[in-house]
Amino acid sequence: MSPLARATARPEGPPAERLARAWERLLACAHGAGDLSTVPLDGLGADQQRLFATYRDFLAPSPDGLSVVAHLGQSLDGRIATEPGHSTFVTGADDFLHMHRLRALADAVLVGAGTVAADDPRLTVRLVPGPSPLRVVLDPDRRLGPDRRVFRDPDPPTLVLCRADRRDRDRLGEAEIVGLPAPRGRLEPRTVLAALFDRGIRRLFVEGGGMTVSRFLAAGCLDALHLCVAPVIIGSGRDALSLPAIARMDEAIRLAPEVMRLGEDWLFYCRLRRAPLPVRQAQEIDMADPAAARARLDRPEPVPTP
């Protein structure tokens, strides 16, 4: 049975019921009125409690009102696909469920043009209860055609973000095309975050691929990285992360991840330090959301371990 087929199987019994209740409360907190402190984690296994705590982190108010998490599933040797791009399946069924939960909690899910070209994903929530988020595709040069599934299906809506000078029409199939300034010829992650924030996005899930996640990480535009490692060795292939070269080890990003079992895989939950929104936007959040203003003063900023 494939990981995707296993992910669609519905477990039964008291443990599954407790998990379902916890997930129902998380959804209420994400998309309605709910207190994160009331999410019932008692009765869940230790790894399940740690996993659901990462979801609460995603939903918790941030000082500037925005929460950005990314996910990658990789082999032990740091590959997300073979050289030709085959990636079905690197990680297992529990990681698929995890990704669908992150989609369901997010306001928007974002991928790069390479992921859409290679995988033709739907980017919808199908494996767990919950709404499908806005789909965002980064295609700076507007190289994708309208045949991809995210552009054919109007529900949920899709945005295509490209360079302003490459926006030659209003729509690509059912998707809206939005041009953004790109003074250096590429879309900067901070520009993307500002544009999505202006559209009301407060929780963003950067789902892939490796180059897109790498650019957000290098730009300091992630609050957390979910790195799922499968016990498989691909040998050679496409790297999970590709960052600018460093000369010394003291320039490396050294973290203190929380590590938990995720079915057959291991999840490394890495808290990061995201560059905040511009002050003007942060002040607007304070006026609209006093809780965010208090969080700015009260919550310590998570930092990598030196």
Foldseek 3Di string as FASTA:
>chain_A
DAQQVVLQDQDDDDQSVLVQQLLVQLLCLLPHDHDNVPRDPPPHDPQVSVLVVVSVVLSDAALQLAAEEEEAEEAPVFAQAAAVRDPRDRDGNLVVVSQLSLQQSFQEEEEEPVCCVRPLDCQFRDSHDGGGHEYEYEDAQPPDACPRNQQQDVPPEYEYEYAQVNCPDQGHRNHGYDHWHDPPSGDQPLRVVVVVVVVVTRGYYYYDDQVVVQRCVQQQAHQKYKYKYAHDDNPDHHGNHDYDDDDDPVPDQAADFDWHDRDRIIITITGAGHDHRPPVSSVVCCVVPVVSNVNSVPPDTDHGDD
